[in-house]
Amino acid sequence: QVQLVESGGGLVQAGGSLRLSCAASGRTTSLYSMGWFRQAPGKEREFVSAITWRGGSTYYADSVKGRFTISGDNAKNTVVLQMNSLKPEDTAVYYCAASRFNPGNYYYLSPKYDYWGQGTQVTVSS
């Protein structure tokens, strides 16, 4: 089993920045990739970004490309999401996720991830 714990959420004004961290513990050697999803009130959970541990490939949703940056520290089993130029529409609960297998081209689908954190609230005021 793998446990994921997010931190770094909060309230920020539009145009500001936040840094989310996700620490993985347990059988982390079994992980292939980690990512971030978000869910706003009344909306479905959506993909934000992902990174593979081997090779360090990164993926982003179009809505955050150029504003968010994902990075990972394999030795510390930590993934960070740096969020800049935040917009009110970025307001959501952000979830860290991890997968044991290569999701291939389907890295944006939540069922491809095996483990989930509890989520951290990000609120962007206008």
N, C-alpha and C. Protein backbone atom coordinates (compact mmCIF):
# COMPACT_ATOMS: atom_id res chain seq x y z
N GLN A 1 0.83 -1.20 0.00
CA GLN A 1 0.00 0.00 0.00
C GLN A 1 0.87 1.25 0.00
N VAL A 2 0.29 2.31 -0.52
CA VAL A 2 0.96 3.61 -0.58
C VAL A 2 0.04 4.66 0.04
N GLN A 3 0.61 5.51 0.86
CA GLN A 3 -0.14 6.61 1.44
C GLN A 3 0.35 7.93 0.84
N LEU A 4 -0.58 8.81 0.54
CA LEU A 4 -0.26 10.11 -0.04
C LEU A 4 -0.81 11.21 0.85
N VAL A 5 0.03 12.19 1.15
CA VAL A 5 -0.39 13.31 1.99
C VAL A 5 -0.06 14.62 1.28
N GLU A 6 -1.10 15.42 1.03
CA GLU A 6 -0.90 16.70 0.36
C GLU A 6 -0.74 17.81 1.39
N SER A 7 -0.07 18.87 0.96
CA SER A 7 0.05 20.08 1.79
C SER A 7 0.24 21.27 0.88
N GLY A 8 -0.02 22.46 1.42
CA GLY A 8 0.28 23.68 0.69
C GLY A 8 -0.91 24.43 0.14
N GLY A 9 -2.10 23.93 0.32
CA GLY A 9 -3.27 24.64 -0.17
C GLY A 9 -3.52 25.91 0.64
N GLY A 10 -4.49 26.71 0.19
CA GLY A 10 -4.81 27.92 0.93
C GLY A 10 -5.59 28.90 0.09
N LEU A 11 -5.65 30.13 0.59
CA LEU A 11 -6.38 31.21 -0.08
C LEU A 11 -5.37 32.18 -0.67
N VAL A 12 -5.59 32.56 -1.93
CA VAL A 12 -4.68 33.48 -2.60
C VAL A 12 -5.50 34.36 -3.55
N GLN A 13 -5.00 35.55 -3.80
CA GLN A 13 -5.66 36.43 -4.75
C GLN A 13 -5.32 36.04 -6.18
N ALA A 14 -6.18 36.39 -7.09
CA ALA A 14 -5.93 36.12 -8.50
C ALA A 14 -4.59 36.73 -8.91
N GLY A 15 -3.83 35.96 -9.68
CA GLY A 15 -2.50 36.39 -10.09
C GLY A 15 -1.40 35.92 -9.17
N GLY A 16 -1.78 35.39 -8.01
CA GLY A 16 -0.82 34.92 -7.04
C GLY A 16 -0.34 33.51 -7.32
N SER A 17 0.44 32.99 -6.38
CA SER A 17 1.04 31.66 -6.54
C SER A 17 0.83 30.83 -5.28
N LEU A 18 0.78 29.52 -5.50
CA LEU A 18 0.76 28.54 -4.42
C LEU A 18 1.61 27.36 -4.84
N ARG A 19 2.12 26.66 -3.83
CA ARG A 19 2.94 25.49 -4.08
C ARG A 19 2.36 24.33 -3.31
N LEU A 20 1.93 23.31 -4.04
CA LEU A 20 1.38 22.10 -3.42
C LEU A 20 2.44 21.01 -3.39
N SER A 21 2.48 20.29 -2.28
CA SER A 21 3.40 19.16 -2.16
C SER A 21 2.62 17.90 -1.84
N CYS A 22 3.15 16.78 -2.29
CA CYS A 22 2.55 15.49 -2.00
C CYS A 22 3.67 14.53 -1.61
N ALA A 23 3.57 14.01 -0.41
CA ALA A 23 4.56 13.06 0.08
C ALA A 23 3.99 11.66 0.06
N ALA A 24 4.71 10.74 -0.56
CA ALA A 24 4.28 9.35 -0.64
C ALA A 24 5.06 8.53 0.35
N SER A 25 4.38 7.59 0.99
CA SER A 25 5.04 6.67 1.91
C SER A 25 4.47 5.27 1.71
N GLY A 26 5.17 4.28 2.22
CA GLY A 26 4.76 2.90 2.03
C GLY A 26 5.55 2.26 0.91
N ARG A 27 4.89 1.49 0.07
CA ARG A 27 5.56 0.76 -1.02
C ARG A 27 5.77 1.67 -2.23
N THR A 28 6.55 2.70 -2.04
CA THR A 28 6.73 3.70 -3.10
C THR A 28 7.55 3.19 -4.27
N THR A 29 8.33 2.14 -4.07
CA THR A 29 9.12 1.60 -5.19
C THR A 29 8.23 1.00 -6.26
N SER A 30 6.97 0.76 -5.92
CA SER A 30 6.05 0.17 -6.88
C SER A 30 5.41 1.22 -7.79
N LEU A 31 5.67 2.49 -7.53
CA LEU A 31 5.00 3.55 -8.27
C LEU A 31 5.64 3.83 -9.62
N TYR A 32 4.79 4.08 -10.62
CA TYR A 32 5.29 4.45 -11.95
C TYR A 32 5.18 5.95 -12.16
N SER A 33 4.08 6.54 -11.73
CA SER A 33 3.89 7.98 -11.93
C SER A 33 3.02 8.56 -10.83
N MET A 34 3.08 9.88 -10.71
CA MET A 34 2.23 10.60 -9.77
C MET A 34 1.63 11.80 -10.46
N GLY A 35 0.50 12.23 -9.95
CA GLY A 35 -0.15 13.35 -10.62
C GLY A 35 -1.06 14.12 -9.69
N TRP A 36 -1.68 15.15 -10.27
CA TRP A 36 -2.62 15.99 -9.54
C TRP A 36 -3.93 16.08 -10.32
N PHE A 37 -5.00 15.95 -9.60
CA PHE A 37 -6.34 16.19 -10.13
C PHE A 37 -7.00 17.24 -9.26
N ARG A 38 -8.08 17.82 -9.74
CA ARG A 38 -8.81 18.78 -8.93
C ARG A 38 -10.31 18.63 -9.16
N GLN A 39 -11.07 19.05 -8.16
CA GLN A 39 -12.53 18.97 -8.26
C GLN A 39 -13.13 20.22 -7.65
N ALA A 40 -13.83 20.96 -8.48
CA ALA A 40 -14.53 22.16 -8.03
C ALA A 40 -15.96 21.79 -7.64
N PRO A 41 -16.61 22.58 -6.81
CA PRO A 41 -17.98 22.27 -6.39
C PRO A 41 -18.90 22.10 -7.59
N GLY A 42 -19.65 21.01 -7.59
CA GLY A 42 -20.60 20.75 -8.65
C GLY A 42 -20.00 20.27 -9.95
N LYS A 43 -18.69 20.03 -9.97
CA LYS A 43 -18.04 19.59 -11.20
C LYS A 43 -17.36 18.24 -10.98
N GLU A 44 -17.04 17.60 -12.09
CA GLU A 44 -16.34 16.33 -12.00
C GLU A 44 -14.85 16.56 -11.73
N ARG A 45 -14.23 15.53 -11.18
CA ARG A 45 -12.79 15.60 -10.96
C ARG A 45 -12.09 15.67 -12.31
N GLU A 46 -11.10 16.56 -12.42
CA GLU A 46 -10.41 16.71 -13.69
C GLU A 46 -8.89 16.64 -13.50
N PHE A 47 -8.24 16.20 -14.55
CA PHE A 47 -6.79 16.08 -14.57
C PHE A 47 -6.13 17.46 -14.58
N VAL A 48 -5.03 17.58 -13.84
CA VAL A 48 -4.25 18.82 -13.83
C VAL A 48 -2.86 18.59 -14.41
N SER A 49 -2.14 17.62 -13.83
CA SER A 49 -0.76 17.40 -14.26
C SER A 49 -0.28 16.06 -13.76
N ALA A 50 0.75 15.51 -14.42
CA ALA A 50 1.33 14.24 -14.00
C ALA A 50 2.79 14.19 -14.37
N ILE A 51 3.51 13.32 -13.67
CA ILE A 51 4.93 13.13 -13.93
C ILE A 51 5.26 11.66 -13.75
N THR A 52 6.12 11.13 -14.63
CA THR A 52 6.57 9.76 -14.48
C THR A 52 7.89 9.74 -13.73
N TRP A 53 8.06 8.73 -12.87
CA TRP A 53 9.30 8.66 -12.08
C TRP A 53 10.48 8.28 -12.96
N ARG A 54 10.26 7.41 -13.93
CA ARG A 54 11.35 7.00 -14.82
C ARG A 54 11.29 7.87 -16.06
N GLY A 55 12.29 8.68 -16.24
CA GLY A 55 12.32 9.54 -17.42
C GLY A 55 11.84 10.95 -17.15
N GLY A 56 11.01 11.11 -16.12
CA GLY A 56 10.57 12.43 -15.75
C GLY A 56 9.68 13.12 -16.76
N SER A 57 8.94 12.35 -17.54
CA SER A 57 8.00 12.97 -18.49
C SER A 57 6.91 13.70 -17.72
N THR A 58 6.51 14.84 -18.23
CA THR A 58 5.48 15.63 -17.58
C THR A 58 4.31 15.88 -18.52
N TYR A 59 3.14 16.02 -17.93
CA TYR A 59 1.91 16.23 -18.69
C TYR A 59 1.08 17.29 -17.99
N TYR A 60 0.38 18.08 -18.78
CA TYR A 60 -0.44 19.16 -18.23
C TYR A 60 -1.77 19.26 -18.96
N ALA A 61 -2.79 19.64 -18.21
CA ALA A 61 -4.05 19.99 -18.84
C ALA A 61 -3.86 21.32 -19.57
N ASP A 62 -4.58 21.50 -20.66
CA ASP A 62 -4.45 22.73 -21.43
C ASP A 62 -4.74 23.96 -20.57
N SER A 63 -5.65 23.82 -19.63
CA SER A 63 -6.08 24.96 -18.82
C SER A 63 -5.00 25.48 -17.88
N VAL A 64 -3.96 24.66 -17.63
CA VAL A 64 -2.91 25.08 -16.70
C VAL A 64 -1.55 25.18 -17.36
N LYS A 65 -1.47 24.79 -18.61
CA LYS A 65 -0.19 24.79 -19.32
C LYS A 65 0.38 26.21 -19.34
N GLY A 66 1.67 26.31 -19.00
CA GLY A 66 2.31 27.62 -18.98
C GLY A 66 2.20 28.34 -17.64
N ARG A 67 1.30 27.86 -16.78
CA ARG A 67 1.13 28.49 -15.46
C ARG A 67 1.55 27.56 -14.32
N PHE A 68 1.34 26.27 -14.48
CA PHE A 68 1.66 25.29 -13.45
C PHE A 68 2.89 24.49 -13.88
N THR A 69 3.69 24.09 -12.90
CA THR A 69 4.86 23.25 -13.16
C THR A 69 4.89 22.12 -12.15
N ILE A 70 5.02 20.90 -12.65
CA ILE A 70 5.11 19.74 -11.78
C ILE A 70 6.57 19.27 -11.73
N SER A 71 7.00 18.86 -10.55
CA SER A 71 8.35 18.33 -10.41
C SER A 71 8.32 17.23 -9.36
N GLY A 72 9.31 16.35 -9.43
CA GLY A 72 9.33 15.24 -8.50
C GLY A 72 10.73 14.97 -7.97
N ASP A 73 10.77 14.51 -6.75
CA ASP A 73 12.02 14.08 -6.13
C ASP A 73 11.86 12.61 -5.81
N ASN A 74 12.43 11.78 -6.68
CA ASN A 74 12.27 10.35 -6.52
C ASN A 74 12.85 9.85 -5.21
N ALA A 75 13.97 10.41 -4.81
CA ALA A 75 14.64 9.97 -3.59
C ALA A 75 13.79 10.27 -2.36
N LYS A 76 13.05 11.37 -2.40
CA LYS A 76 12.21 11.76 -1.27
C LYS A 76 10.76 11.36 -1.45
N ASN A 77 10.46 10.74 -2.61
CA ASN A 77 9.08 10.33 -2.89
C ASN A 77 8.11 11.48 -2.73
N THR A 78 8.49 12.61 -3.30
CA THR A 78 7.68 13.81 -3.19
C THR A 78 7.44 14.41 -4.57
N VAL A 79 6.24 14.88 -4.79
CA VAL A 79 5.93 15.59 -6.02
C VAL A 79 5.38 16.96 -5.66
N VAL A 80 5.79 17.97 -6.41
CA VAL A 80 5.41 19.35 -6.13
C VAL A 80 4.71 19.94 -7.33
N LEU A 81 3.66 20.69 -7.07
CA LEU A 81 2.96 21.41 -8.12
C LEU A 81 3.08 22.90 -7.81
N GLN A 82 3.87 23.59 -8.61
CA GLN A 82 4.01 25.03 -8.47
C GLN A 82 2.95 25.69 -9.35
N MET A 83 2.10 26.49 -8.72
CA MET A 83 0.98 27.11 -9.43
C MET A 83 1.16 28.62 -9.44
N ASN A 84 1.34 29.18 -10.61
CA ASN A 84 1.52 30.62 -10.78
C ASN A 84 0.36 31.21 -11.57
N SER A 85 0.24 32.52 -11.50
CA SER A 85 -0.80 33.23 -12.26
C SER A 85 -2.16 32.59 -12.02
N LEU A 86 -2.47 32.35 -10.78
CA LEU A 86 -3.71 31.65 -10.44
C LEU A 86 -4.93 32.48 -10.80
N LYS A 87 -5.98 31.77 -11.19
CA LYS A 87 -7.24 32.38 -11.59
C LYS A 87 -8.36 31.87 -10.68
N PRO A 88 -9.44 32.61 -10.55
CA PRO A 88 -10.56 32.14 -9.74
C PRO A 88 -11.06 30.76 -10.18
N GLU A 89 -10.98 30.46 -11.46
CA GLU A 89 -11.44 29.16 -11.94
C GLU A 89 -10.51 28.02 -11.54
N ASP A 90 -9.37 28.32 -10.95
CA ASP A 90 -8.51 27.28 -10.40
C ASP A 90 -8.96 26.82 -9.02
N THR A 91 -9.94 27.50 -8.47
CA THR A 91 -10.46 27.14 -7.15
C THR A 91 -11.03 25.73 -7.18
N ALA A 92 -10.54 24.89 -6.28
CA ALA A 92 -10.97 23.48 -6.24
C ALA A 92 -10.25 22.78 -5.09
N VAL A 93 -10.67 21.57 -4.83
CA VAL A 93 -9.89 20.68 -3.97
C VAL A 93 -8.92 19.94 -4.89
N TYR A 94 -7.65 20.00 -4.53
CA TYR A 94 -6.61 19.37 -5.33
C TYR A 94 -6.20 18.05 -4.68
N TYR A 95 -6.18 17.00 -5.50
CA TYR A 95 -5.86 15.66 -5.03
C TYR A 95 -4.57 15.17 -5.66
N CYS A 96 -3.73 14.59 -4.85
CA CYS A 96 -2.54 13.91 -5.33
C CYS A 96 -2.93 12.47 -5.65
N ALA A 97 -2.34 11.92 -6.70
CA ALA A 97 -2.65 10.55 -7.11
C ALA A 97 -1.37 9.86 -7.55
N ALA A 98 -1.37 8.53 -7.43
CA ALA A 98 -0.20 7.76 -7.84
C ALA A 98 -0.65 6.48 -8.53
N SER A 99 0.12 6.07 -9.53
CA SER A 99 -0.22 4.86 -10.27
C SER A 99 0.94 3.88 -10.21
N ARG A 100 0.59 2.60 -10.21
CA ARG A 100 1.61 1.55 -10.20
C ARG A 100 2.04 1.16 -11.60
N PHE A 101 1.22 1.46 -12.57
CA PHE A 101 1.50 1.04 -13.92
C PHE A 101 1.57 2.24 -14.86
N ASN A 102 2.15 2.00 -16.01
CA ASN A 102 2.26 3.04 -17.02
C ASN A 102 0.88 3.31 -17.61
N PRO A 103 0.33 4.52 -17.40
CA PRO A 103 -1.00 4.80 -17.96
C PRO A 103 -0.98 5.08 -19.45
N GLY A 104 0.23 5.08 -20.05
CA GLY A 104 0.34 5.32 -21.48
C GLY A 104 -0.23 6.68 -21.83
N ASN A 105 -1.03 6.71 -22.87
CA ASN A 105 -1.64 7.96 -23.30
C ASN A 105 -2.83 8.37 -22.45
N TYR A 106 -3.17 7.56 -21.45
CA TYR A 106 -4.37 7.84 -20.66
C TYR A 106 -4.01 8.37 -19.27
N TYR A 107 -2.94 9.11 -19.16
CA TYR A 107 -2.47 9.66 -17.90
C TYR A 107 -3.48 10.64 -17.31
N TYR A 108 -4.41 11.11 -18.12
CA TYR A 108 -5.38 12.10 -17.69
C TYR A 108 -6.65 11.48 -17.12
N LEU A 109 -6.73 10.16 -17.10
CA LEU A 109 -7.92 9.48 -16.61
C LEU A 109 -7.73 9.04 -15.17
N SER A 110 -8.64 9.46 -14.29
CA SER A 110 -8.50 9.13 -12.87
C SER A 110 -8.50 7.64 -12.56
N PRO A 111 -9.25 6.79 -13.31
CA PRO A 111 -9.21 5.34 -13.00
C PRO A 111 -7.84 4.71 -13.21
N LYS A 112 -6.92 5.42 -13.90
CA LYS A 112 -5.59 4.87 -14.11
C LYS A 112 -4.71 5.00 -12.87
N TYR A 113 -5.19 5.68 -11.86
CA TYR A 113 -4.42 5.91 -10.64
C TYR A 113 -4.94 5.03 -9.51
N ASP A 114 -4.01 4.46 -8.77
CA ASP A 114 -4.36 3.47 -7.75
C ASP A 114 -4.50 4.05 -6.35
N TYR A 115 -3.81 5.12 -6.09
CA TYR A 115 -3.79 5.69 -4.74
C TYR A 115 -4.12 7.18 -4.82
N TRP A 116 -4.81 7.64 -3.78
CA TRP A 116 -5.25 9.04 -3.73
C TRP A 116 -5.02 9.63 -2.35
N GLY A 117 -4.68 10.90 -2.34
CA GLY A 117 -4.59 11.63 -1.08
C GLY A 117 -5.96 12.14 -0.67
N GLN A 118 -6.00 12.80 0.48
CA GLN A 118 -7.26 13.31 1.02
C GLN A 118 -7.69 14.62 0.36
N GLY A 119 -6.78 15.29 -0.27
CA GLY A 119 -7.11 16.54 -0.93
C GLY A 119 -6.74 17.76 -0.11
N THR A 120 -6.45 18.86 -0.80
CA THR A 120 -6.16 20.12 -0.14
C THR A 120 -6.89 21.24 -0.90
N GLN A 121 -7.51 22.13 -0.15
CA GLN A 121 -8.32 23.18 -0.76
C GLN A 121 -7.46 24.32 -1.27
N VAL A 122 -7.75 24.72 -2.51
CA VAL A 122 -7.12 25.91 -3.10
C VAL A 122 -8.25 26.87 -3.46
N THR A 123 -8.19 28.07 -2.92
CA THR A 123 -9.20 29.08 -3.21
C THR A 123 -8.53 30.33 -3.76
N VAL A 124 -8.97 30.75 -4.94
CA VAL A 124 -8.42 31.93 -5.59
C VAL A 124 -9.51 32.99 -5.65
N SER A 125 -9.26 34.10 -4.99
CA SER A 125 -10.26 35.18 -4.95
C SER A 125 -9.99 36.17 -6.08
N SER A 126 -11.09 36.76 -6.56
CA SER A 126 -10.95 37.70 -7.68
C SER A 126 -10.74 39.13 -7.20
